[in-house]
Amino acid sequence: MITFRGVVYPAQTDAMGHMNVQHYVASFDQAFWHLAEHLGYDTEWRLSRDQGWADVHYEIDFRSELHIGSTFYIKSAIDKVGRTSLVTHHYLYNNKDQLCAEIVMTSVYFDLEERKPIEIPDFIRASASSLVGTRTA
């Protein structure tokens, strides 16, 4: 599923003339939040329940550069659902459908007040589990 679309602005490039790593990570992060909402996570929980997500591990592969004005999109999939964590896989493509970067993210469901992992709510786990192995990227 497509979870994010973007365009590379001049301020997002580095001295080499291509999109800087920090902006790849920011785009992948935004894709994760769209995926989390699709699974049933409600961003209001951050305030009402003090629950959210904490990314604890990234593995990124850069395959092709994005330059100023490049449009891109991200497709997301779920690799693994744990008791307190999700392993998600996000693929960033340019407007010619060429894979430019991908990231595997481990994100932990978190009690924001106590600063510790907690169990993913059952309906979110069920929704995520139904997507494991359905990678379309």
N, C-alpha and C. Protein backbone atom coordinates (compact mmCIF):
# COMPACT_ATOMS: atom_id res chain seq x y z
N MET A 1 0.84 -1.18 0.00
CA MET A 1 0.00 0.00 0.00
C MET A 1 0.88 1.24 0.00
N ILE A 2 0.45 2.25 -0.70
CA ILE A 2 1.20 3.52 -0.71
C ILE A 2 0.87 4.27 0.58
N THR A 3 1.92 4.64 1.31
CA THR A 3 1.74 5.30 2.61
C THR A 3 2.28 6.72 2.64
N PHE A 4 2.97 7.14 1.60
CA PHE A 4 3.48 8.52 1.58
C PHE A 4 3.86 8.90 0.16
N ARG A 5 3.68 10.20 -0.15
CA ARG A 5 4.14 10.77 -1.41
C ARG A 5 4.86 12.07 -1.10
N GLY A 6 5.92 12.35 -1.85
CA GLY A 6 6.67 13.57 -1.59
C GLY A 6 7.36 14.09 -2.83
N VAL A 7 8.00 15.23 -2.64
CA VAL A 7 8.82 15.85 -3.68
C VAL A 7 10.08 16.38 -3.00
N VAL A 8 11.20 16.34 -3.70
CA VAL A 8 12.47 16.79 -3.14
C VAL A 8 12.61 18.29 -3.40
N TYR A 9 12.71 19.07 -2.33
CA TYR A 9 12.92 20.51 -2.42
C TYR A 9 14.41 20.83 -2.30
N PRO A 10 14.84 21.99 -2.80
CA PRO A 10 16.26 22.34 -2.73
C PRO A 10 16.84 22.26 -1.31
N ALA A 11 16.08 22.67 -0.32
CA ALA A 11 16.58 22.66 1.06
C ALA A 11 16.74 21.24 1.61
N GLN A 12 16.24 20.24 0.89
CA GLN A 12 16.35 18.85 1.34
C GLN A 12 17.55 18.13 0.72
N THR A 13 18.35 18.87 -0.03
CA THR A 13 19.50 18.23 -0.67
C THR A 13 20.79 18.57 0.08
N ASP A 14 21.80 17.77 -0.17
CA ASP A 14 23.08 17.99 0.51
C ASP A 14 24.13 18.51 -0.49
N ALA A 15 25.35 18.57 -0.05
CA ALA A 15 26.44 19.10 -0.88
C ALA A 15 26.67 18.28 -2.14
N MET A 16 26.20 17.05 -2.16
CA MET A 16 26.35 16.19 -3.33
C MET A 16 25.22 16.38 -4.33
N GLY A 17 24.20 17.18 -3.97
CA GLY A 17 23.12 17.48 -4.90
C GLY A 17 21.96 16.50 -4.90
N HIS A 18 21.94 15.61 -3.93
CA HIS A 18 20.80 14.69 -3.87
C HIS A 18 20.14 14.76 -2.49
N MET A 19 18.96 14.19 -2.38
CA MET A 19 18.22 14.27 -1.12
C MET A 19 19.07 13.74 0.03
N ASN A 20 19.14 14.53 1.10
CA ASN A 20 19.94 14.19 2.26
C ASN A 20 19.30 13.05 3.05
N VAL A 21 20.13 12.27 3.70
CA VAL A 21 19.69 11.12 4.48
C VAL A 21 18.59 11.49 5.48
N GLN A 22 18.71 12.63 6.13
CA GLN A 22 17.71 13.00 7.14
C GLN A 22 16.31 13.09 6.54
N HIS A 23 16.21 13.43 5.26
CA HIS A 23 14.90 13.57 4.62
C HIS A 23 14.36 12.22 4.15
N TYR A 24 15.25 11.30 3.83
CA TYR A 24 14.78 9.92 3.59
C TYR A 24 14.15 9.39 4.87
N VAL A 25 14.87 9.54 5.99
CA VAL A 25 14.37 9.03 7.27
C VAL A 25 13.06 9.70 7.64
N ALA A 26 12.95 11.02 7.44
CA ALA A 26 11.71 11.73 7.75
C ALA A 26 10.56 11.20 6.89
N SER A 27 10.81 10.91 5.64
CA SER A 27 9.77 10.38 4.75
C SER A 27 9.34 8.98 5.19
N PHE A 28 10.32 8.15 5.53
CA PHE A 28 9.98 6.81 6.02
C PHE A 28 9.19 6.90 7.33
N ASP A 29 9.55 7.83 8.19
CA ASP A 29 8.83 8.02 9.45
C ASP A 29 7.37 8.40 9.19
N GLN A 30 7.16 9.31 8.24
CA GLN A 30 5.79 9.70 7.91
C GLN A 30 5.01 8.52 7.33
N ALA A 31 5.68 7.71 6.52
CA ALA A 31 5.02 6.52 5.98
C ALA A 31 4.59 5.58 7.11
N PHE A 32 5.46 5.44 8.12
CA PHE A 32 5.10 4.58 9.26
C PHE A 32 3.81 5.07 9.92
N TRP A 33 3.69 6.39 10.13
CA TRP A 33 2.49 6.92 10.81
C TRP A 33 1.23 6.69 10.00
N HIS A 34 1.33 6.77 8.68
CA HIS A 34 0.18 6.46 7.84
C HIS A 34 -0.18 4.98 7.96
N LEU A 35 0.84 4.12 8.01
CA LEU A 35 0.60 2.70 8.18
C LEU A 35 -0.04 2.42 9.54
N ALA A 36 0.49 3.03 10.60
CA ALA A 36 -0.06 2.83 11.95
C ALA A 36 -1.53 3.23 12.01
N GLU A 37 -1.87 4.36 11.37
CA GLU A 37 -3.27 4.78 11.35
C GLU A 37 -4.13 3.77 10.60
N HIS A 38 -3.61 3.23 9.50
CA HIS A 38 -4.33 2.22 8.74
C HIS A 38 -4.61 0.98 9.61
N LEU A 39 -3.69 0.67 10.50
CA LEU A 39 -3.85 -0.49 11.39
C LEU A 39 -4.85 -0.24 12.51
N GLY A 40 -5.20 1.02 12.74
CA GLY A 40 -6.17 1.33 13.78
C GLY A 40 -5.63 2.19 14.90
N TYR A 41 -4.34 2.53 14.86
CA TYR A 41 -3.79 3.41 15.89
C TYR A 41 -4.37 4.80 15.72
N ASP A 42 -4.80 5.38 16.80
CA ASP A 42 -5.39 6.72 16.82
C ASP A 42 -4.38 7.67 17.46
N THR A 43 -3.98 8.70 16.73
CA THR A 43 -2.96 9.61 17.25
C THR A 43 -3.41 10.33 18.52
N GLU A 44 -4.70 10.39 18.78
CA GLU A 44 -5.19 11.00 20.03
C GLU A 44 -4.75 10.20 21.26
N TRP A 45 -4.41 8.92 21.04
CA TRP A 45 -3.96 8.10 22.17
C TRP A 45 -2.71 8.67 22.82
N ARG A 46 -1.93 9.40 22.04
CA ARG A 46 -0.72 10.01 22.60
C ARG A 46 -1.09 10.90 23.78
N LEU A 47 -2.20 11.61 23.66
CA LEU A 47 -2.65 12.50 24.74
C LEU A 47 -3.59 11.81 25.73
N SER A 48 -4.54 11.05 25.22
CA SER A 48 -5.56 10.47 26.10
C SER A 48 -5.10 9.23 26.84
N ARG A 49 -4.20 8.45 26.24
CA ARG A 49 -3.74 7.20 26.87
C ARG A 49 -2.25 7.21 27.20
N ASP A 50 -1.54 8.22 26.75
CA ASP A 50 -0.07 8.26 26.88
C ASP A 50 0.57 7.03 26.25
N GLN A 51 0.09 6.67 25.05
CA GLN A 51 0.63 5.52 24.32
C GLN A 51 1.04 5.95 22.93
N GLY A 52 2.13 5.38 22.46
CA GLY A 52 2.61 5.71 21.13
C GLY A 52 3.63 4.70 20.66
N TRP A 53 4.43 5.10 19.72
CA TRP A 53 5.43 4.22 19.11
C TRP A 53 6.82 4.82 19.26
N ALA A 54 7.78 3.96 19.47
CA ALA A 54 9.18 4.37 19.53
C ALA A 54 9.97 3.49 18.56
N ASP A 55 10.64 4.12 17.61
CA ASP A 55 11.50 3.36 16.69
C ASP A 55 12.79 3.00 17.44
N VAL A 56 13.16 1.73 17.34
CA VAL A 56 14.35 1.28 18.07
C VAL A 56 15.45 0.74 17.16
N HIS A 57 15.11 0.50 15.87
CA HIS A 57 16.15 -0.03 14.98
C HIS A 57 15.78 0.28 13.53
N TYR A 58 16.78 0.73 12.77
CA TYR A 58 16.63 0.99 11.34
C TYR A 58 17.73 0.25 10.58
N GLU A 59 17.38 -0.31 9.43
CA GLU A 59 18.35 -0.78 8.45
C GLU A 59 17.95 -0.17 7.12
N ILE A 60 18.80 0.68 6.57
CA ILE A 60 18.48 1.41 5.35
C ILE A 60 19.44 1.00 4.23
N ASP A 61 18.87 0.79 3.04
CA ASP A 61 19.66 0.58 1.84
C ASP A 61 19.31 1.68 0.85
N PHE A 62 20.32 2.40 0.39
CA PHE A 62 20.14 3.44 -0.62
C PHE A 62 20.53 2.85 -1.96
N ARG A 63 19.65 2.99 -2.96
CA ARG A 63 19.85 2.33 -4.24
C ARG A 63 20.04 3.31 -5.40
N SER A 64 19.34 4.44 -5.36
CA SER A 64 19.41 5.40 -6.46
C SER A 64 19.10 6.79 -5.90
N GLU A 65 19.79 7.79 -6.40
CA GLU A 65 19.65 9.14 -5.86
C GLU A 65 18.36 9.81 -6.30
N LEU A 66 17.89 10.70 -5.45
CA LEU A 66 16.77 11.59 -5.77
C LEU A 66 17.31 13.01 -5.79
N HIS A 67 16.97 13.77 -6.83
CA HIS A 67 17.46 15.13 -7.00
C HIS A 67 16.33 16.14 -6.84
N ILE A 68 16.68 17.41 -6.81
CA ILE A 68 15.68 18.49 -6.68
C ILE A 68 14.57 18.30 -7.70
N GLY A 69 13.34 18.37 -7.21
CA GLY A 69 12.17 18.25 -8.07
C GLY A 69 11.68 16.83 -8.27
N SER A 70 12.46 15.85 -7.83
CA SER A 70 12.03 14.46 -7.97
C SER A 70 10.79 14.21 -7.12
N THR A 71 9.79 13.60 -7.72
CA THR A 71 8.65 13.14 -6.94
C THR A 71 8.89 11.68 -6.59
N PHE A 72 8.33 11.28 -5.47
CA PHE A 72 8.53 9.91 -5.02
C PHE A 72 7.33 9.44 -4.20
N TYR A 73 7.27 8.14 -4.01
CA TYR A 73 6.23 7.56 -3.16
C TYR A 73 6.83 6.41 -2.38
N ILE A 74 6.16 6.07 -1.28
CA ILE A 74 6.61 4.98 -0.43
C ILE A 74 5.50 3.96 -0.30
N LYS A 75 5.86 2.69 -0.50
CA LYS A 75 4.96 1.57 -0.22
C LYS A 75 5.45 0.91 1.06
N SER A 76 4.51 0.47 1.88
CA SER A 76 4.86 -0.11 3.17
C SER A 76 4.26 -1.51 3.33
N ALA A 77 4.97 -2.33 4.06
CA ALA A 77 4.53 -3.69 4.34
C ALA A 77 4.91 -4.04 5.78
N ILE A 78 4.36 -5.10 6.29
CA ILE A 78 4.68 -5.56 7.64
C ILE A 78 5.37 -6.91 7.53
N ASP A 79 6.56 -7.00 8.11
CA ASP A 79 7.33 -8.23 8.08
C ASP A 79 7.05 -9.12 9.29
N LYS A 80 6.81 -8.51 10.45
CA LYS A 80 6.67 -9.30 11.68
C LYS A 80 5.86 -8.51 12.71
N VAL A 81 5.02 -9.24 13.43
CA VAL A 81 4.24 -8.64 14.52
C VAL A 81 4.60 -9.37 15.80
N GLY A 82 5.10 -8.62 16.76
CA GLY A 82 5.43 -9.19 18.05
C GLY A 82 4.42 -8.79 19.11
N ARG A 83 4.71 -9.11 20.34
CA ARG A 83 3.83 -8.75 21.45
C ARG A 83 3.83 -7.25 21.68
N THR A 84 5.02 -6.63 21.58
CA THR A 84 5.14 -5.19 21.82
C THR A 84 5.73 -4.43 20.63
N SER A 85 6.04 -5.12 19.55
CA SER A 85 6.74 -4.45 18.45
C SER A 85 6.23 -4.89 17.08
N LEU A 86 6.53 -4.03 16.11
CA LEU A 86 6.27 -4.31 14.70
C LEU A 86 7.58 -4.16 13.95
N VAL A 87 7.80 -5.04 12.97
CA VAL A 87 8.88 -4.85 12.02
C VAL A 87 8.21 -4.51 10.69
N THR A 88 8.47 -3.30 10.22
CA THR A 88 7.86 -2.83 8.98
C THR A 88 8.94 -2.62 7.93
N HIS A 89 8.52 -2.72 6.68
CA HIS A 89 9.44 -2.58 5.55
C HIS A 89 8.85 -1.53 4.64
N HIS A 90 9.63 -0.51 4.33
CA HIS A 90 9.16 0.61 3.53
C HIS A 90 10.07 0.76 2.31
N TYR A 91 9.45 0.94 1.14
CA TYR A 91 10.15 1.01 -0.14
C TYR A 91 9.89 2.37 -0.76
N LEU A 92 10.93 3.12 -1.07
CA LEU A 92 10.80 4.44 -1.66
C LEU A 92 11.12 4.35 -3.15
N TYR A 93 10.16 4.76 -3.98
CA TYR A 93 10.29 4.71 -5.44
C TYR A 93 10.25 6.11 -6.03
N ASN A 94 10.98 6.31 -7.13
CA ASN A 94 10.86 7.58 -7.85
C ASN A 94 9.65 7.52 -8.77
N ASN A 95 9.43 8.61 -9.52
CA ASN A 95 8.25 8.69 -10.38
C ASN A 95 8.33 7.76 -11.59
N LYS A 96 9.44 7.06 -11.75
CA LYS A 96 9.58 6.06 -12.83
C LYS A 96 9.49 4.65 -12.26
N ASP A 97 9.01 4.54 -11.03
CA ASP A 97 8.83 3.26 -10.35
C ASP A 97 10.14 2.52 -10.09
N GLN A 98 11.23 3.27 -10.00
CA GLN A 98 12.54 2.69 -9.70
C GLN A 98 12.73 2.74 -8.18
N LEU A 99 13.13 1.62 -7.59
CA LEU A 99 13.40 1.58 -6.15
C LEU A 99 14.64 2.41 -5.85
N CYS A 100 14.47 3.43 -5.00
CA CYS A 100 15.58 4.34 -4.66
C CYS A 100 16.15 4.07 -3.28
N ALA A 101 15.32 3.59 -2.37
CA ALA A 101 15.78 3.30 -1.01
C ALA A 101 14.76 2.41 -0.33
N GLU A 102 15.22 1.67 0.65
CA GLU A 102 14.29 0.88 1.47
C GLU A 102 14.81 0.83 2.89
N ILE A 103 13.87 0.67 3.80
CA ILE A 103 14.22 0.63 5.22
C ILE A 103 13.41 -0.47 5.89
N VAL A 104 14.05 -1.18 6.79
CA VAL A 104 13.37 -2.10 7.70
C VAL A 104 13.41 -1.43 9.06
N MET A 105 12.23 -1.22 9.63
CA MET A 105 12.13 -0.50 10.90
C MET A 105 11.53 -1.42 11.96
N THR A 106 12.11 -1.38 13.15
CA THR A 106 11.50 -2.03 14.30
C THR A 106 10.97 -0.92 15.20
N SER A 107 9.67 -0.97 15.46
CA SER A 107 8.99 0.05 16.25
C SER A 107 8.30 -0.63 17.42
N VAL A 108 8.46 -0.07 18.60
CA VAL A 108 7.91 -0.63 19.82
C VAL A 108 6.72 0.21 20.27
N TYR A 109 5.64 -0.49 20.66
CA TYR A 109 4.49 0.20 21.22
C TYR A 109 4.86 0.58 22.65
N PHE A 110 4.58 1.80 23.04
CA PHE A 110 5.26 2.39 24.18
C PHE A 110 4.30 3.11 25.12
N ASP A 111 4.51 2.93 26.42
CA ASP A 111 3.85 3.75 27.43
C ASP A 111 4.70 5.01 27.55
N LEU A 112 4.14 6.12 27.12
CA LEU A 112 4.93 7.35 27.04
C LEU A 112 5.24 7.95 28.41
N GLU A 113 4.40 7.69 29.39
CA GLU A 113 4.66 8.22 30.73
C GLU A 113 5.70 7.39 31.46
N GLU A 114 5.55 6.07 31.41
CA GLU A 114 6.49 5.19 32.11
C GLU A 114 7.74 4.90 31.29
N ARG A 115 7.73 5.28 29.99
CA ARG A 115 8.87 5.11 29.10
C ARG A 115 9.28 3.64 28.99
N LYS A 116 8.27 2.76 28.76
CA LYS A 116 8.58 1.35 28.60
C LYS A 116 7.64 0.71 27.59
N PRO A 117 8.08 -0.39 26.96
CA PRO A 117 7.22 -1.09 26.00
C PRO A 117 5.99 -1.67 26.69
N ILE A 118 4.87 -1.66 25.94
CA ILE A 118 3.64 -2.31 26.40
C ILE A 118 3.07 -3.11 25.24
N GLU A 119 2.12 -3.99 25.54
CA GLU A 119 1.53 -4.83 24.50
C GLU A 119 0.75 -3.99 23.48
N ILE A 120 0.92 -4.37 22.23
CA ILE A 120 0.15 -3.74 21.17
C ILE A 120 -1.31 -4.14 21.37
N PRO A 121 -2.24 -3.18 21.29
CA PRO A 121 -3.66 -3.54 21.43
C PRO A 121 -4.05 -4.66 20.46
N ASP A 122 -4.92 -5.56 20.92
CA ASP A 122 -5.29 -6.76 20.15
C ASP A 122 -5.77 -6.44 18.74
N PHE A 123 -6.61 -5.43 18.59
CA PHE A 123 -7.16 -5.17 17.25
C PHE A 123 -6.10 -4.61 16.31
N ILE A 124 -5.11 -3.89 16.83
CA ILE A 124 -4.01 -3.42 15.99
C ILE A 124 -3.12 -4.60 15.62
N ARG A 125 -2.85 -5.48 16.59
CA ARG A 125 -2.04 -6.67 16.30
C ARG A 125 -2.73 -7.53 15.24
N ALA A 126 -4.06 -7.71 15.36
CA ALA A 126 -4.80 -8.52 14.39
C ALA A 126 -4.75 -7.88 13.01
N SER A 127 -4.93 -6.58 12.95
CA SER A 127 -4.87 -5.87 11.67
C SER A 127 -3.49 -6.00 11.05
N ALA A 128 -2.46 -5.83 11.86
CA ALA A 128 -1.08 -5.94 11.37
C ALA A 128 -0.78 -7.37 10.93
N SER A 129 -1.22 -8.34 11.71
CA SER A 129 -0.96 -9.74 11.38
C SER A 129 -1.59 -10.13 10.05
N SER A 130 -2.73 -9.53 9.73
CA SER A 130 -3.40 -9.86 8.47
C SER A 130 -2.60 -9.36 7.27
N LEU A 131 -1.66 -8.46 7.49
CA LEU A 131 -0.85 -7.90 6.39
C LEU A 131 0.52 -8.55 6.26
N VAL A 132 0.92 -9.38 7.22
CA VAL A 132 2.22 -10.03 7.14
C VAL A 132 2.22 -10.97 5.93
N GLY A 133 3.25 -10.87 5.13
CA GLY A 133 3.38 -11.74 3.97
C GLY A 133 2.62 -11.27 2.75
N THR A 134 2.04 -10.07 2.82
CA THR A 134 1.30 -9.55 1.67
C THR A 134 2.09 -8.46 0.97
N ARG A 135 3.38 -8.54 1.04
CA ARG A 135 4.25 -7.51 0.47
C ARG A 135 3.96 -7.35 -1.01
N THR A 136 3.70 -6.11 -1.41
CA THR A 136 3.44 -5.83 -2.82
C THR A 136 4.48 -4.89 -3.39
N ALA A 137 5.50 -4.61 -2.61
CA ALA A 137 6.50 -3.64 -3.06
C ALA A 137 7.49 -4.31 -3.98
